[in-house]
PDB file of N, CA and C in Angstrom:
ATOM      1  N   MET A   1     -16.676 -36.944  -5.870  1.00  0.00           N
ATOM      2  CA  MET A   1     -16.105 -35.845  -6.784  1.00  0.00           C
ATOM      3  C   MET A   1     -15.564 -35.042  -6.124  1.00  0.00           C
ATOM      4  N   THR A   2     -14.093 -34.753  -6.481  1.00  0.00           N
ATOM      5  CA  THR A   2     -13.194 -33.514  -5.137  1.00  0.00           C
ATOM      6  C   THR A   2     -14.226 -32.200  -5.810  1.00  0.00           C
ATOM      7  N   ASN A   3     -14.244 -31.062  -5.115  1.00  0.00           N
ATOM      8  CA  ASN A   3     -14.745 -30.076  -5.543  1.00  0.00           C
ATOM      9  C   ASN A   3     -13.680 -29.315  -6.787  1.00  0.00           C
ATOM     10  N   LYS A   4     -12.369 -29.817  -7.175  1.00  0.00           N
ATOM     11  CA  LYS A   4     -11.496 -29.631  -8.185  1.00  0.00           C
ATOM     12  C   LYS A   4     -12.131 -30.172  -9.278  1.00  0.00           C
ATOM     13  N   GLU A   5     -12.426 -31.574  -9.085  1.00  0.00           N
ATOM     14  CA  GLU A   5     -13.042 -32.188 -10.391  1.00  0.00           C
ATOM     15  C   GLU A   5     -14.262 -31.274 -10.525  1.00  0.00           C
ATOM     16  N   LEU A   6     -14.804 -31.488  -9.832  1.00  0.00           N
ATOM     17  CA  LEU A   6     -16.722 -30.190 -10.354  1.00  0.00           C
ATOM     18  C   LEU A   6     -16.449 -29.294 -10.685  1.00  0.00           C
ATOM     19  N   LEU A   7     -15.342 -28.563 -10.479  1.00  0.00           N
ATOM     20  CA  LEU A   7     -15.131 -26.970 -11.400  1.00  0.00           C
ATOM     21  C   LEU A   7     -14.611 -27.415 -12.783  1.00  0.00           C
ATOM     22  N   TYR A   8     -13.790 -28.587 -12.540  1.00  0.00           N
ATOM     23  CA  TYR A   8     -13.195 -28.770 -14.268  1.00  0.00           C
ATOM     24  C   TYR A   8     -14.008 -29.243 -14.684  1.00  0.00           C
ATOM     25  N   ILE A   9     -15.003 -29.905 -14.503  1.00  0.00           N
ATOM     26  CA  ILE A   9     -16.122 -30.143 -15.133  1.00  0.00           C
ATOM     27  C   ILE A   9     -17.136 -28.955 -15.179  1.00  0.00           C
ATOM     28  N   GLU A  10     -16.878 -28.507 -14.871  1.00  0.00           N
ATOM     29  CA  GLU A  10     -18.540 -27.130 -14.625  1.00  0.00           C
ATOM     30  C   GLU A  10     -17.516 -26.085 -16.282  1.00  0.00           C
ATOM     31  N   ASP A  11     -16.283 -25.921 -15.787  1.00  0.00           N
ATOM     32  CA  ASP A  11     -15.550 -25.526 -16.421  1.00  0.00           C
ATOM     33  C   ASP A  11     -15.429 -26.059 -18.301  1.00  0.00           C
ATOM     34  N   ALA A  12     -15.500 -27.129 -18.204  1.00  0.00           N
ATOM     35  CA  ALA A  12     -15.229 -27.607 -19.718  1.00  0.00           C
ATOM     36  C   ALA A  12     -16.652 -27.402 -20.197  1.00  0.00           C
ATOM     37  N   LEU A  13     -18.036 -27.462 -19.504  1.00  0.00           N
ATOM     38  CA  LEU A  13     -19.340 -27.627 -20.257  1.00  0.00           C
ATOM     39  C   LEU A  13     -19.640 -26.313 -20.509  1.00  0.00           C
ATOM     40  N   GLY A  14     -18.638 -25.089 -19.834  1.00  0.00           N
ATOM     41  CA  GLY A  14     -18.965 -23.720 -19.865  1.00  0.00           C
ATOM     42  C   GLY A  14     -18.451 -23.911 -21.254  1.00  0.00           C
ATOM     43  N   HIS A  15     -16.480 -24.394 -20.906  1.00  0.00           N
ATOM     44  CA  HIS A  15     -16.252 -24.111 -22.560  1.00  0.00           C
ATOM     45  C   HIS A  15     -17.292 -24.354 -23.932  1.00  0.00           C
ATOM     46  N   SER A  16     -17.590 -25.411 -23.893  1.00  0.00           N
ATOM     47  CA  SER A  16     -18.618 -26.385 -24.427  1.00  0.00           C
ATOM     48  C   SER A  16     -19.589 -25.293 -25.124  1.00  0.00           C
ATOM     49  N   GLN A  17     -20.522 -25.084 -24.410  1.00  0.00           N
ATOM     50  CA  GLN A  17     -21.477 -24.141 -24.897  1.00  0.00           C
ATOM     51  C   GLN A  17     -21.238 -22.678 -24.799  1.00  0.00           C
ATOM     52  N   TYR A  18     -20.140 -22.011 -24.710  1.00  0.00           N
ATOM     53  CA  TYR A  18     -19.335 -21.408 -24.984  1.00  0.00           C
ATOM     54  C   TYR A  18     -19.163 -21.268 -27.312  1.00  0.00           C
ATOM     55  N   PHE A  19     -18.397 -22.519 -27.326  1.00  0.00           N
ATOM     56  CA  PHE A  19     -17.888 -22.996 -28.297  1.00  0.00           C
ATOM     57  C   PHE A  19     -19.521 -22.873 -29.211  1.00  0.00           C
ATOM     58  N   GLN A  20     -20.335 -23.795 -28.857  1.00  0.00           N
ATOM     59  CA  GLN A  20     -21.527 -23.568 -29.615  1.00  0.00           C
ATOM     60  C   GLN A  20     -22.321 -22.132 -29.511  1.00  0.00           C
ATOM     61  N   THR A  21     -22.067 -21.165 -29.072  1.00  0.00           N
ATOM     62  CA  THR A  21     -22.758 -20.116 -29.382  1.00  0.00           C
ATOM     63  C   THR A  21     -22.256 -19.781 -30.283  1.00  0.00           C
ATOM     64  N   LYS A  22     -20.791 -19.565 -30.273  1.00  0.00           N
ATOM     65  CA  LYS A  22     -19.960 -19.045 -31.352  1.00  0.00           C
ATOM     66  C   LYS A  22     -20.124 -19.667 -33.234  1.00  0.00           C
ATOM     67  N   CYS A  23     -20.204 -20.834 -32.881  1.00  0.00           N
ATOM     68  CA  CYS A  23     -20.073 -21.860 -34.577  1.00  0.00           C
ATOM     69  C   CYS A  23     -21.636 -21.074 -34.278  1.00  0.00           C
ATOM     70  N   ASN A  24     -22.564 -20.941 -34.189  1.00  0.00           N
ATOM     71  CA  ASN A  24     -24.142 -20.704 -34.267  1.00  0.00           C
ATOM     72  C   ASN A  24     -23.992 -19.404 -34.387  1.00  0.00           C
ATOM     73  N   GLU A  25     -23.157 -18.223 -34.243  1.00  0.00           N
ATOM     74  CA  GLU A  25     -23.103 -17.143 -34.577  1.00  0.00           C
ATOM     75  C   GLU A  25     -22.655 -17.009 -35.943  1.00  0.00           C
ATOM     76  N   THR A  26     -21.304 -17.645 -36.040  1.00  0.00           N
ATOM     77  CA  THR A  26     -20.642 -17.457 -37.046  1.00  0.00           C
ATOM     78  C   THR A  26     -21.119 -17.881 -38.454  1.00  0.00           C
ATOM     79  N   ALA A  27     -22.129 -19.029 -38.304  1.00  0.00           N
ATOM     80  CA  ALA A  27     -22.615 -19.808 -39.451  1.00  0.00           C
ATOM     81  C   ALA A  27     -23.638 -18.733 -39.768  1.00  0.00           C
ATOM     82  N   GLN A  28     -23.971 -17.783 -38.966  1.00  0.00           N
ATOM     83  CA  GLN A  28     -25.197 -17.230 -39.523  1.00  0.00           C
ATOM     84  C   GLN A  28     -24.768 -16.127 -39.916  1.00  0.00           C
ATOM     85  N   GLN A  29     -23.575 -15.845 -40.129  1.00  0.00           N
ATOM     86  CA  GLN A  29     -22.697 -14.722 -41.017  1.00  0.00           C
ATOM     87  C   GLN A  29     -22.171 -15.042 -42.101  1.00  0.00           C
ATOM     88  N   ILE A  30     -22.013 -16.465 -42.182  1.00  0.00           N
ATOM     89  CA  ILE A  30     -21.109 -16.835 -43.372  1.00  0.00           C
ATOM     90  C   ILE A  30     -21.852 -16.709 -44.553  1.00  0.00           C
ATOM     91  N   GLN A  31     -21.551 -16.462 -45.876  1.00  0.00           N
ATOM     92  CA  GLN A  31     -22.454 -16.036 -47.088  1.00  0.00           C
ATOM     93  C   GLN A  31     -22.210 -18.024 -47.862  1.00  0.00           C
ATOM     94  N   ASP A  32     -20.721 -18.271 -47.734  1.00  0.00           N
ATOM     95  CA  ASP A  32     -20.723 -19.573 -48.507  1.00  0.00           C
ATOM     96  C   ASP A  32     -21.373 -20.632 -47.905  1.00  0.00           C
ATOM     97  N   PRO A  33     -22.925 -21.150 -49.245  1.00  0.00           N
ATOM     98  CA  PRO A  33     -23.186 -22.093 -48.366  1.00  0.00           C
ATOM     99  C   PRO A  33     -22.508 -23.603 -48.190  1.00  0.00           C
ATOM    100  N   GLN A  34     -21.261 -23.610 -48.948  1.00  0.00           N
ATOM    101  CA  GLN A  34     -20.794 -24.869 -48.026  1.00  0.00           C
ATOM    102  C   GLN A  34     -19.335 -24.622 -46.548  1.00  0.00           C
ATOM    103  N   LEU A  35     -19.300 -23.487 -46.599  1.00  0.00           N
ATOM    104  CA  LEU A  35     -18.546 -23.606 -45.283  1.00  0.00           C
ATOM    105  C   LEU A  35     -19.657 -22.939 -44.127  1.00  0.00           C
ATOM    106  N   LYS A  36     -20.685 -22.764 -44.512  1.00  0.00           N
ATOM    107  CA  LYS A  36     -21.649 -22.356 -43.821  1.00  0.00           C
ATOM    108  C   LYS A  36     -22.030 -23.895 -43.026  1.00  0.00           C
ATOM    109  N   THR A  37     -22.512 -25.043 -44.206  1.00  0.00           N
ATOM    110  CA  THR A  37     -23.132 -25.827 -43.726  1.00  0.00           C
ATOM    111  C   THR A  37     -21.767 -26.785 -43.189  1.00  0.00           C
ATOM    112  N   CYS A  38     -20.623 -26.861 -43.141  1.00  0.00           N
ATOM    113  CA  CYS A  38     -19.386 -27.381 -42.176  1.00  0.00           C
ATOM    114  C   CYS A  38     -19.819 -26.976 -40.745  1.00  0.00           C
ATOM    115  N   VAL A  39     -19.786 -25.300 -41.084  1.00  0.00           N
ATOM    116  CA  VAL A  39     -20.044 -24.608 -39.121  1.00  0.00           C
ATOM    117  C   VAL A  39     -21.113 -25.081 -38.585  1.00  0.00           C
ATOM    118  N   GLN A  40     -22.226 -25.559 -39.272  1.00  0.00           N
ATOM    119  CA  GLN A  40     -23.497 -26.037 -38.435  1.00  0.00           C
ATOM    120  C   GLN A  40     -23.034 -27.337 -38.633  1.00  0.00           C
ATOM    121  N   GLN A  41     -22.431 -28.277 -39.515  1.00  0.00           N
ATOM    122  CA  GLN A  41     -22.539 -29.520 -38.809  1.00  0.00           C
ATOM    123  C   GLN A  41     -21.587 -29.922 -37.642  1.00  0.00           C
ATOM    124  N   ILE A  42     -20.373 -29.012 -37.298  1.00  0.00           N
ATOM    125  CA  ILE A  42     -19.184 -28.626 -36.596  1.00  0.00           C
ATOM    126  C   ILE A  42     -20.337 -28.433 -35.038  1.00  0.00           C
ATOM    127  N   ALA A  43     -21.533 -27.476 -35.032  1.00  0.00           N
ATOM    128  CA  ALA A  43     -22.291 -27.128 -34.400  1.00  0.00           C
ATOM    129  C   ALA A  43     -22.864 -28.286 -33.684  1.00  0.00           C
ATOM    130  N   GLN A  44     -23.092 -29.051 -34.767  1.00  0.00           N
ATOM    131  CA  GLN A  44     -24.410 -29.906 -34.144  1.00  0.00           C
ATOM    132  C   GLN A  44     -23.588 -30.936 -33.329  1.00  0.00           C
ATOM    133  N   LYS A  45     -22.403 -31.235 -33.834  1.00  0.00           N
ATOM    134  CA  LYS A  45     -21.855 -32.399 -33.391  1.00  0.00           C
ATOM    135  C   LYS A  45     -20.945 -32.134 -31.806  1.00  0.00           C
ATOM    136  N   ASN A  46     -20.492 -31.148 -31.947  1.00  0.00           N
ATOM    137  CA  ASN A  46     -20.485 -30.501 -30.776  1.00  0.00           C
ATOM    138  C   ASN A  46     -21.269 -30.367 -29.496  1.00  0.00           C
ATOM    139  N   GLN A  47     -23.113 -30.007 -29.845  1.00  0.00           N
ATOM    140  CA  GLN A  47     -23.952 -30.655 -29.296  1.00  0.00           C
ATOM    141  C   GLN A  47     -24.576 -31.505 -28.635  1.00  0.00           C
ATOM    142  N   GLN A  48     -24.012 -32.493 -29.404  1.00  0.00           N
ATOM    143  CA  GLN A  48     -23.712 -34.585 -29.848  1.00  0.00           C
ATOM    144  C   GLN A  48     -22.867 -34.518 -28.265  1.00  0.00           C
ATOM    145  N   ILE A  49     -22.037 -33.806 -28.933  1.00  0.00           N
ATOM    146  CA  ILE A  49     -20.920 -33.931 -27.348  1.00  0.00           C
ATOM    147  C   ILE A  49     -21.371 -33.648 -26.351  1.00  0.00           C
ATOM    148  N   PHE A  50     -22.293 -32.427 -26.275  1.00  0.00           N
ATOM    149  CA  PHE A  50     -22.525 -31.986 -24.969  1.00  0.00           C
ATOM    150  C   PHE A  50     -23.356 -32.647 -24.207  1.00  0.00           C
ATOM    151  N   GLN A  51     -24.410 -33.167 -25.167  1.00  0.00           N
ATOM    152  CA  GLN A  51     -25.504 -33.870 -24.609  1.00  0.00           C
ATOM    153  C   GLN A  51     -24.922 -35.099 -23.909  1.00  0.00           C
ATOM    154  N   SER A  52     -23.970 -35.828 -24.813  1.00  0.00           N
ATOM    155  CA  SER A  52     -23.549 -37.495 -24.234  1.00  0.00           C
ATOM    156  C   SER A  52     -23.011 -36.995 -22.882  1.00  0.00           C
ATOM    157  N   PHE A  53     -22.402 -35.985 -22.957  1.00  0.00           N
ATOM    158  CA  PHE A  53     -21.362 -35.881 -21.272  1.00  0.00           C
ATOM    159  C   PHE A  53     -22.198 -35.564 -20.191  1.00  0.00           C
ATOM    160  N   TYR A  54     -22.903 -34.227 -20.779  1.00  0.00           N
ATOM    161  CA  TYR A  54     -24.107 -33.856 -19.389  1.00  0.00           C
ATOM    162  C   TYR A  54     -24.930 -35.202 -18.831  1.00  0.00           C
ATOM    163  N   GLY A  55     -24.983 -36.067 -19.778  1.00  0.00           N
ATOM    164  CA  GLY A  55     -25.731 -37.443 -19.784  1.00  0.00           C
ATOM    165  C   GLY A  55     -25.172 -38.433 -18.568  1.00  0.00           C
ATOM    166  N   LEU A  56     -23.596 -37.823 -18.918  1.00  0.00           N
ATOM    167  CA  LEU A  56     -22.968 -39.017 -17.865  1.00  0.00           C
ATOM    168  C   LEU A  56     -23.226 -38.908 -16.132  1.00  0.00           C
ATOM    169  N   LEU A  57     -23.560 -37.246 -16.554  1.00  0.00           N
ATOM    170  CA  LEU A  57     -23.176 -36.582 -14.653  1.00  0.00           C
ATOM    171  C   LEU A  57     -24.672 -37.133 -14.563  1.00  0.00           C
TER     172      LEU A  57
END
C-alpha cells in the first residue's frame, strides 16, 4: 500500500471511532426509549463494521 492509501484508511477508521463516540454520547442523553434503542443499535452496527474493517488490516 502507498502512504496515501494508508492515510486514507487511518482517516476512515478515525471517522468511524468518532461516529461511535457521538452515537454513545447521544444515546445517553435521549429520553425516548425507542429512539434511544435505535441510536444504540446504530452504534453497535458501526462497531461491528469497524471491527470487520480493522480485522482485514
